[in-house]
Amino acid sequence: MLMTRQRGFITCLAITLLCIATFASAADWARFRGPNGSGVSQDKAPVPTNFSDTENLKWKVALPGPGSSSPIIVGDRLFVTCWSGYGVDRGNPGDQKNLRRHLICLDRNTGKTIWSTSVEPVLPEDNYGGMFAEHGYASHTPVSDGERIYVYFGKCGAFAFDMDGNQLWQAKIGTESDPRGWGSASSPVLYKDTVIVTASAESHAVVALDKATGKEVWRQEAAGLSSTWGTPVMVKVDEERTDLVLGVPYEFWAFNPDDGKLRWYCSVMETDSFCSSVVTEGGIVYGIEGRGGGSIAVRAGGKGDVTESSVVWSGRDSNRIGTPVIYDGRIYFFSNGIANCIAADSGEKVFQSRLEGASGASQNRAGGGEAGSSRGRRGGGGGFGGDYASPVIAD
């Protein structure tokens, strides 16, 4: 079981896996939040509900440095990114030229390092500090097609590696910076023979690259992509059509993933940033945001402005950074130490329940809707704190 983060900070410089009875035969988890970003595992193996440094721990291994991307699993291998050399110590970040981003391959069953590769920075990088230090230089979760590992490293660009760690190509996408200084975090996704990257901070663009060569296939630039940190999802409209849907400030946008052209858009919640990812089920796209609050369900498909025709329901639910998860007709999300559940078909509240040990909720509110105090990344209760993690459903 993995608790994933889209913009959080891994406070312990280690990856840990819990004991699962049939772990060796479990399915792949090949992108951010698993199959199409759903956060729902199809495995039926039992998972532990109690775990610690000594209980139900399968293995634990230190990494070269911190990171806030999620691990992915392909076959018997686990892949994760992190960084080192600069920005490890807030009090003394060091010299940017020493920054290295790492892609590490571990044995899924033992934690043994199979290979590790590093990437040099494209200078100048974003300065370490302020809100950027909430998540750092390795926030984009890799994605794999089973033959290659694709990674987005911000200003350094997108990369493809084979399963043995050999770099196959590098594609520069942009070297701009988020105007708020929050960095970037959207993870790449795959569609047919392309890798699709949301380079919101680096070039205000969504870019599709050829999987085999890294050559740019299409690019869609728009100022409205600024302040976007979520990862897009694929939504099957019918047998002939699939939409690539992304939550951006104030709207949902749907692109044709074959050519990047905008198919439809919909006015959603009044939020000037979109930190979480949208989720989808049954041809409907759901979003719950925290900056300004708001929840919505929109039926995919159509053309142009679909605000009047495609909104299924809207509400005032408030999320934080983590992405919701849908299961068995219900949507679950976590905010300020509260577990929330609403009905997927109507948006009506099913329950709210305070999480055990969810201290620091009042400090979280002190963030005032921004990304909060920098203490949150160290588990000090400030900022968004534990609300960075996105839930998953298993067993």
Protein backbone atom coordinates (compact mmCIF):
# COMPACT_ATOMS: atom_id res chain seq x y z
CA MET A 1 0.00 0.00 0.00
CA LEU A 2 1.39 3.39 -0.99
CA MET A 3 0.30 6.77 0.29
CA THR A 4 1.25 9.06 -2.57
CA ARG A 5 2.04 12.75 -2.69
CA GLN A 6 1.66 15.19 -5.55
CA ARG A 7 3.48 18.14 -3.99
CA GLY A 8 4.51 16.90 -0.56
CA PHE A 9 7.95 16.39 0.91
CA ILE A 10 9.23 12.99 1.95
CA THR A 11 10.51 13.75 5.43
CA CYS A 12 12.31 10.45 5.91
CA LEU A 13 14.92 9.94 3.23
CA ALA A 14 13.84 6.38 2.66
CA ILE A 15 11.35 4.23 0.81
CA THR A 16 9.51 1.63 2.85
CA LEU A 17 7.28 -1.21 1.75
CA LEU A 18 4.80 -3.03 3.91
CA CYS A 19 4.40 -6.78 4.16
CA ILE A 20 1.69 -8.04 1.79
CA ALA A 21 0.94 -11.75 1.61
CA THR A 22 1.14 -12.13 -2.18
CA PHE A 23 3.32 -9.11 -2.89
CA ALA A 24 5.46 -10.84 -5.52
CA SER A 25 2.43 -11.44 -7.75
CA ALA A 26 0.86 -8.00 -7.31
CA ALA A 27 0.03 -5.90 -10.37
CA ASP A 28 2.07 -3.05 -11.78
CA TRP A 29 1.56 0.51 -10.53
CA ALA A 30 3.09 2.29 -13.49
CA ARG A 31 2.18 5.97 -13.07
CA PHE A 32 1.09 8.56 -10.52
CA ARG A 33 -1.77 6.99 -8.53
CA GLY A 34 -1.86 3.82 -10.62
CA PRO A 35 -4.25 2.99 -13.48
CA ASN A 36 -5.32 6.27 -15.13
CA GLY A 37 -4.60 8.11 -11.89
CA SER A 38 -7.52 6.42 -10.13
CA GLY A 39 -5.69 5.52 -6.93
CA VAL A 40 -7.54 2.18 -6.90
CA SER A 41 -5.59 -1.08 -6.80
CA GLN A 42 -7.21 -4.15 -8.36
CA ASP A 43 -5.13 -6.51 -6.21
CA LYS A 44 -7.02 -8.57 -3.66
CA ALA A 45 -4.06 -9.42 -1.44
CA PRO A 46 -4.60 -8.38 2.18
CA VAL A 47 -2.85 -5.20 3.26
CA PRO A 48 -1.93 -4.25 6.83
CA THR A 49 -3.89 -1.56 8.61
CA ASN A 50 -1.29 -1.28 11.37
CA PHE A 51 2.36 -0.62 10.57
CA SER A 52 5.42 1.06 12.04
CA ASP A 53 9.21 0.90 11.88
CA THR A 54 9.02 -2.61 13.31
CA GLU A 55 5.52 -3.90 12.53
CA ASN A 56 4.60 -5.22 9.07
CA LEU A 57 7.75 -3.70 7.55
CA LYS A 58 9.10 -5.68 4.60
CA TRP A 59 12.19 -3.55 3.92
CA LYS A 60 13.52 -0.04 4.26
CA VAL A 61 16.32 1.65 2.32
CA ALA A 62 17.88 5.11 2.44
CA LEU A 63 17.89 7.22 -0.71
CA PRO A 64 20.61 9.67 -1.87
CA GLY A 65 18.38 12.56 -0.84
CA PRO A 66 14.80 13.79 -0.43
CA GLY A 67 12.01 13.68 -2.98
CA SER A 68 8.25 14.06 -3.18
CA SER A 69 7.41 11.99 -6.25
CA SER A 70 5.61 8.69 -5.78
CA PRO A 71 7.23 5.32 -6.45
CA ILE A 72 6.02 3.27 -9.41
CA ILE A 73 6.22 -0.50 -9.77
CA VAL A 74 6.87 -2.46 -12.97
CA GLY A 75 7.24 -6.22 -12.65
CA ASP A 76 9.73 -6.96 -9.90
CA ARG A 77 11.20 -3.43 -9.93
CA LEU A 78 10.36 -0.22 -8.11
CA PHE A 79 11.37 3.18 -9.53
CA VAL A 80 11.53 6.46 -7.62
CA THR A 81 13.16 9.88 -8.02
CA CYS A 82 14.93 12.13 -5.53
CA TRP A 83 17.60 14.85 -5.51
CA SER A 84 20.89 15.63 -3.78
CA GLY A 85 23.72 18.20 -3.73
CA TYR A 86 21.68 21.37 -3.28
CA GLY A 87 18.62 22.33 -1.30
CA VAL A 88 18.86 19.55 1.23
CA ASP A 89 19.44 21.91 4.17
CA ARG A 90 17.14 24.94 4.28
CA GLY A 91 19.63 26.86 6.43
CA ASN A 92 22.50 26.24 4.00
CA PRO A 93 21.17 25.16 0.58
CA GLY A 94 24.63 25.20 -1.05
CA ASP A 95 25.52 25.77 -4.71
CA GLN A 96 23.02 25.07 -7.49
CA LYS A 97 25.70 23.60 -9.73
CA ASN A 98 25.91 20.62 -7.36
CA LEU A 99 22.23 19.76 -7.75
CA ARG A 100 21.62 16.23 -9.06
CA ARG A 101 18.28 14.59 -9.78
CA HIS A 102 18.25 10.82 -9.45
CA LEU A 103 16.20 7.98 -10.89
CA ILE A 104 16.67 4.85 -8.81
CA CYS A 105 15.64 1.28 -9.57
CA LEU A 106 15.13 -1.04 -6.58
CA ASP A 107 14.30 -4.71 -6.32
CA ARG A 108 10.65 -4.82 -5.38
CA ASN A 109 11.02 -7.70 -2.94
CA THR A 110 14.31 -6.89 -1.21
CA GLY A 111 14.88 -3.13 -1.61
CA LYS A 112 18.31 -3.79 -3.11
CA THR A 113 19.46 -1.08 -5.54
CA ILE A 114 19.60 -2.51 -9.07
CA TRP A 115 20.79 0.71 -10.67
CA SER A 116 20.83 4.46 -10.13
CA THR A 117 21.37 7.30 -12.59
CA SER A 118 21.64 11.05 -12.10
CA VAL A 119 20.98 14.18 -14.16
CA GLU A 120 22.91 17.47 -13.98
CA PRO A 121 20.96 20.74 -13.55
CA VAL A 122 20.06 23.31 -16.16
CA LEU A 123 21.13 26.57 -14.54
CA PRO A 124 19.85 28.79 -13.13
CA GLU A 125 17.48 26.55 -11.20
CA ASP A 126 14.67 27.67 -8.91
CA ASN A 127 16.12 28.85 -5.62
CA TYR A 128 15.56 26.52 -2.71
CA GLY A 129 13.47 28.21 -0.04
CA GLY A 130 10.02 29.57 0.70
CA MET A 131 7.16 27.56 -0.74
CA PHE A 132 9.44 25.82 -3.23
CA ALA A 133 11.06 24.02 -0.30
CA GLU A 134 7.69 22.38 0.44
CA HIS A 135 8.45 19.83 -2.28
CA GLY A 136 11.77 20.55 -4.01
CA TYR A 137 13.37 19.24 -7.20
CA ALA A 138 11.90 15.75 -7.63
CA SER A 139 8.13 16.14 -7.54
CA HIS A 140 7.07 14.49 -10.80
CA THR A 141 6.25 10.78 -10.57
CA PRO A 142 7.77 8.64 -13.38
CA VAL A 143 5.62 6.65 -15.81
CA SER A 144 6.40 3.39 -17.62
CA ASP A 145 5.08 1.38 -20.55
CA GLY A 146 6.90 -1.73 -19.35
CA GLU A 147 9.77 -1.18 -21.80
CA ARG A 148 11.02 2.25 -20.76
CA ILE A 149 10.86 4.61 -17.80
CA TYR A 150 9.88 8.20 -18.61
CA VAL A 151 10.76 11.00 -16.19
CA TYR A 152 10.10 14.72 -16.10
CA PHE A 153 12.70 16.77 -14.26
CA GLY A 154 11.40 20.33 -14.72
CA LYS A 155 13.96 22.66 -16.31
CA CYS A 156 16.16 19.67 -17.17
CA GLY A 157 13.37 18.36 -19.39
CA ALA A 158 11.88 14.93 -20.04
CA PHE A 159 13.96 11.75 -20.20
CA ALA A 160 13.55 8.18 -21.33
CA PHE A 161 15.57 5.32 -19.83
CA ASP A 162 15.54 1.65 -20.67
CA MET A 163 14.91 -0.89 -17.95
CA ASP A 164 18.65 -1.17 -17.33
CA GLY A 165 19.07 2.54 -16.63
CA ASN A 166 20.54 3.60 -19.98
CA GLN A 167 19.42 7.06 -21.08
CA LEU A 168 17.69 6.87 -24.46
CA TRP A 169 16.79 10.52 -25.00
CA GLN A 170 16.37 13.92 -23.35
CA ALA A 171 13.87 16.56 -24.48
CA LYS A 172 14.07 20.17 -23.29
CA ILE A 173 10.57 21.60 -22.77
CA GLY A 174 11.12 24.95 -21.07
CA THR A 175 13.18 26.78 -18.46
CA GLU A 176 10.74 29.33 -17.06
CA SER A 177 9.68 29.45 -13.41
CA ASP A 178 6.32 29.47 -11.70
CA PRO A 179 5.59 33.16 -10.92
CA ARG A 180 4.67 32.28 -7.32
CA GLY A 181 7.89 30.41 -6.77
CA TRP A 182 6.09 27.16 -5.99
CA GLY A 183 7.89 25.10 -8.65
CA SER A 184 6.15 22.40 -10.68
CA ALA A 185 4.78 18.96 -9.90
CA SER A 186 2.55 17.54 -12.66
CA SER A 187 3.50 14.00 -13.63
CA PRO A 188 3.83 12.68 -17.21
CA VAL A 189 1.23 10.31 -18.67
CA LEU A 190 1.25 7.98 -21.68
CA TYR A 191 -1.09 7.89 -24.65
CA LYS A 192 -0.51 5.56 -27.60
CA ASP A 193 3.05 6.30 -28.79
CA THR A 194 3.46 9.57 -26.89
CA VAL A 195 4.54 10.84 -23.48
CA ILE A 196 2.42 13.82 -22.45
CA VAL A 197 4.00 16.33 -20.07
CA THR A 198 2.28 19.22 -18.30
CA ALA A 199 5.07 21.81 -18.16
CA SER A 200 2.93 24.45 -16.48
CA ALA A 201 5.77 26.31 -14.78
CA GLU A 202 8.53 25.75 -17.33
CA SER A 203 6.64 26.80 -20.49
CA HIS A 204 2.90 27.23 -19.71
CA ALA A 205 2.38 24.27 -22.01
CA VAL A 206 1.16 20.71 -22.36
CA VAL A 207 3.59 18.88 -24.63
CA ALA A 208 3.44 15.46 -26.30
CA LEU A 209 6.71 13.69 -27.10
CA ASP A 210 7.33 10.63 -29.25
CA LYS A 211 8.04 7.75 -26.86
CA ALA A 212 10.77 6.28 -29.04
CA THR A 213 12.72 9.43 -29.90
CA GLY A 214 11.65 12.27 -27.60
CA LYS A 215 10.74 14.38 -30.65
CA GLU A 216 7.97 16.87 -30.02
CA VAL A 217 4.67 15.74 -31.56
CA TRP A 218 2.50 18.64 -30.44
CA ARG A 219 2.52 21.55 -28.00
CA GLN A 220 -0.43 23.48 -26.56
CA GLU A 221 0.57 26.71 -24.83
CA ALA A 222 -1.76 28.91 -22.77
CA ALA A 223 -1.29 31.42 -19.97
CA GLY A 224 -4.16 29.70 -18.16
CA LEU A 225 -1.92 26.71 -17.45
CA SER A 226 -0.04 28.76 -14.87
CA SER A 227 -0.68 27.67 -11.28
CA THR A 228 -1.51 24.12 -12.35
CA TRP A 229 0.07 21.23 -10.43
CA GLY A 230 -2.28 18.33 -11.12
CA THR A 231 -1.76 15.41 -13.47
CA PRO A 232 -4.23 14.90 -16.37
CA VAL A 233 -6.43 11.84 -16.89
CA MET A 234 -7.68 10.07 -20.01
CA VAL A 235 -11.46 9.90 -20.36
CA LYS A 236 -13.05 7.55 -22.86
CA VAL A 237 -16.03 9.37 -24.40
CA ASP A 238 -16.97 6.66 -26.92
CA GLU A 239 -15.31 4.00 -29.07
CA GLU A 240 -13.79 6.65 -31.32
CA ARG A 241 -12.87 9.37 -28.86
CA THR A 242 -10.70 9.83 -25.77
CA ASP A 243 -10.28 13.19 -24.04
CA LEU A 244 -7.19 14.32 -22.09
CA VAL A 245 -8.66 16.30 -19.15
CA LEU A 246 -6.78 18.62 -16.81
CA GLY A 247 -7.93 20.89 -13.97
CA VAL A 248 -6.61 24.45 -14.31
CA PRO A 249 -7.51 27.61 -12.34
CA TYR A 250 -11.26 28.21 -12.68
CA GLU A 251 -11.81 25.58 -15.41
CA PHE A 252 -11.50 22.02 -16.70
CA TRP A 253 -9.80 21.74 -20.08
CA ALA A 254 -10.10 18.76 -22.41
CA PHE A 255 -7.62 18.21 -25.23
CA ASN A 256 -7.49 15.86 -28.18
CA PRO A 257 -4.50 13.70 -27.09
CA ASP A 258 -3.64 12.99 -30.74
CA ASP A 259 -2.97 16.62 -31.73
CA GLY A 260 -3.29 18.76 -28.59
CA LYS A 261 -6.24 20.81 -29.80
CA LEU A 262 -8.70 22.03 -27.16
CA ARG A 263 -11.99 20.15 -27.47
CA TRP A 264 -14.04 21.54 -24.59
CA TYR A 265 -13.77 23.59 -21.44
CA CYS A 266 -15.99 24.09 -18.42
CA SER A 267 -16.14 26.73 -15.70
CA VAL A 268 -15.62 25.01 -12.34
CA MET A 269 -14.70 26.22 -8.84
CA GLU A 270 -13.46 29.72 -8.07
CA THR A 271 -9.83 28.86 -7.37
CA ASP A 272 -6.80 30.70 -8.74
CA SER A 273 -4.64 27.57 -8.51
CA PHE A 274 -5.32 23.88 -9.13
CA CYS A 275 -3.08 21.78 -6.89
CA SER A 276 -4.80 18.39 -6.97
CA SER A 277 -5.52 16.13 -9.93
CA VAL A 278 -8.94 15.48 -11.41
CA VAL A 279 -10.30 11.93 -11.25
CA THR A 280 -12.72 10.16 -13.56
CA GLU A 281 -15.18 7.30 -13.61
CA GLY A 282 -17.97 6.40 -16.00
CA GLY A 283 -17.23 9.27 -18.37
CA ILE A 284 -17.55 11.90 -15.64
CA VAL A 285 -14.66 14.08 -14.42
CA TYR A 286 -14.55 15.09 -10.75
CA GLY A 287 -12.54 17.80 -9.04
CA ILE A 288 -12.31 19.00 -5.44
CA GLU A 289 -9.99 21.92 -4.68
CA GLY A 290 -8.76 23.71 -1.60
CA ARG A 291 -7.71 27.24 -2.53
CA GLY A 292 -11.11 28.89 -2.44
CA GLY A 293 -12.81 25.51 -2.16
CA GLY A 294 -15.33 23.88 -4.41
CA SER A 295 -16.30 20.53 -5.90
CA ILE A 296 -17.78 19.60 -9.25
CA ALA A 297 -18.71 16.72 -11.54
CA VAL A 298 -18.62 17.30 -15.32
CA ARG A 299 -19.63 14.87 -18.06
CA ALA A 300 -16.82 14.52 -20.60
CA GLY A 301 -17.42 15.10 -24.29
CA GLY A 302 -18.96 17.93 -26.25
CA LYS A 303 -17.34 20.92 -27.91
CA GLY A 304 -16.41 24.41 -26.78
CA ASP A 305 -17.93 25.81 -23.59
CA VAL A 306 -19.92 22.98 -21.96
CA THR A 307 -20.63 24.77 -18.66
CA GLU A 308 -24.39 24.94 -19.27
CA SER A 309 -24.75 21.46 -20.72
CA SER A 310 -22.33 19.12 -18.94
CA VAL A 311 -22.19 19.96 -15.22
CA VAL A 312 -23.72 17.04 -13.31
CA TRP A 313 -23.48 18.69 -9.89
CA SER A 314 -21.41 21.25 -8.02
CA GLY A 315 -20.76 21.80 -4.32
CA ARG A 316 -18.70 23.65 -1.75
CA ASP A 317 -16.54 20.76 -0.51
CA SER A 318 -12.99 21.84 0.29
CA ASN A 319 -9.96 19.68 -0.40
CA ARG A 320 -6.29 20.53 0.17
CA ILE A 321 -3.38 19.25 -1.95
CA GLY A 322 -4.14 15.52 -2.15
CA THR A 323 -6.21 14.05 -4.97
CA PRO A 324 -9.58 12.41 -4.15
CA VAL A 325 -10.29 8.72 -4.78
CA ILE A 326 -13.52 7.17 -6.13
CA TYR A 327 -14.73 3.74 -5.10
CA ASP A 328 -18.11 2.02 -5.19
CA GLY A 329 -20.04 5.18 -5.96
CA ARG A 330 -18.35 7.29 -3.31
CA ILE A 331 -15.64 9.95 -3.38
CA TYR A 332 -13.16 10.12 -0.48
CA PHE A 333 -10.85 13.03 0.30
CA PHE A 334 -8.92 14.32 3.32
CA SER A 335 -8.59 17.87 4.61
CA ASN A 336 -7.42 19.37 7.91
CA GLY A 337 -7.29 15.94 9.54
CA ILE A 338 -10.85 15.12 8.45
CA ALA A 339 -11.86 12.16 6.29
CA ASN A 340 -14.69 13.20 3.96
CA CYS A 341 -17.03 11.06 1.89
CA ILE A 342 -19.57 12.29 -0.68
CA ALA A 343 -21.82 10.49 -3.16
CA ALA A 344 -20.35 10.43 -6.67
CA ASP A 345 -23.76 10.73 -8.38
CA SER A 346 -25.01 13.76 -6.45
CA GLY A 347 -22.18 15.29 -4.40
CA GLU A 348 -24.26 14.84 -1.23
CA LYS A 349 -22.34 14.33 2.00
CA VAL A 350 -22.17 10.72 3.24
CA PHE A 351 -19.95 11.23 6.30
CA GLN A 352 -17.12 13.15 7.91
CA SER A 353 -14.75 11.65 10.46
CA ARG A 354 -11.68 12.98 12.22
CA LEU A 355 -8.57 10.93 11.56
CA GLU A 356 -6.92 9.37 14.58
CA GLY A 357 -3.77 11.23 15.54
CA ALA A 358 -4.64 14.10 13.18
CA SER A 359 -3.01 16.79 15.27
CA GLY A 360 -2.11 20.19 13.90
CA ALA A 361 -5.43 20.83 12.14
CA SER A 362 -5.65 24.30 13.63
CA GLN A 363 -2.09 25.07 12.54
CA ASN A 364 -2.98 23.91 9.03
CA ARG A 365 -5.75 26.50 8.87
CA ALA A 366 -3.19 29.16 9.68
CA GLY A 367 -1.85 28.68 6.16
CA GLY A 368 -4.74 30.88 5.03
CA GLY A 369 -5.37 28.90 1.83
CA GLU A 370 -1.87 29.34 0.49
CA ALA A 371 0.48 26.40 0.58
CA GLY A 372 0.95 27.30 4.22
CA SER A 373 3.98 27.45 6.47
CA SER A 374 7.18 25.73 5.49
CA ARG A 375 7.03 23.73 8.72
CA GLY A 376 4.47 21.45 7.07
CA ARG A 377 7.10 19.62 5.04
CA ARG A 378 8.86 18.46 8.18
CA GLY A 379 5.68 17.24 9.82
CA GLY A 380 5.49 20.20 12.17
CA GLY A 381 1.79 20.74 11.59
CA GLY A 382 2.14 24.00 9.66
CA GLY A 383 1.08 24.58 6.10
CA PHE A 384 -0.78 21.73 4.48
CA GLY A 385 1.13 19.22 6.59
CA GLY A 386 -0.24 15.72 6.12
CA ASP A 387 -2.82 16.92 3.61
CA TYR A 388 -0.28 16.57 0.80
CA ALA A 389 -0.73 12.81 0.58
CA SER A 390 -3.29 11.34 -1.85
CA PRO A 391 -5.19 8.25 -0.66
CA VAL A 392 -5.32 4.91 -2.45
CA ILE A 393 -7.84 2.06 -2.22
CA ALA A 394 -6.54 -1.48 -1.75
CA ASP A 395 -8.03 -4.81 -0.66
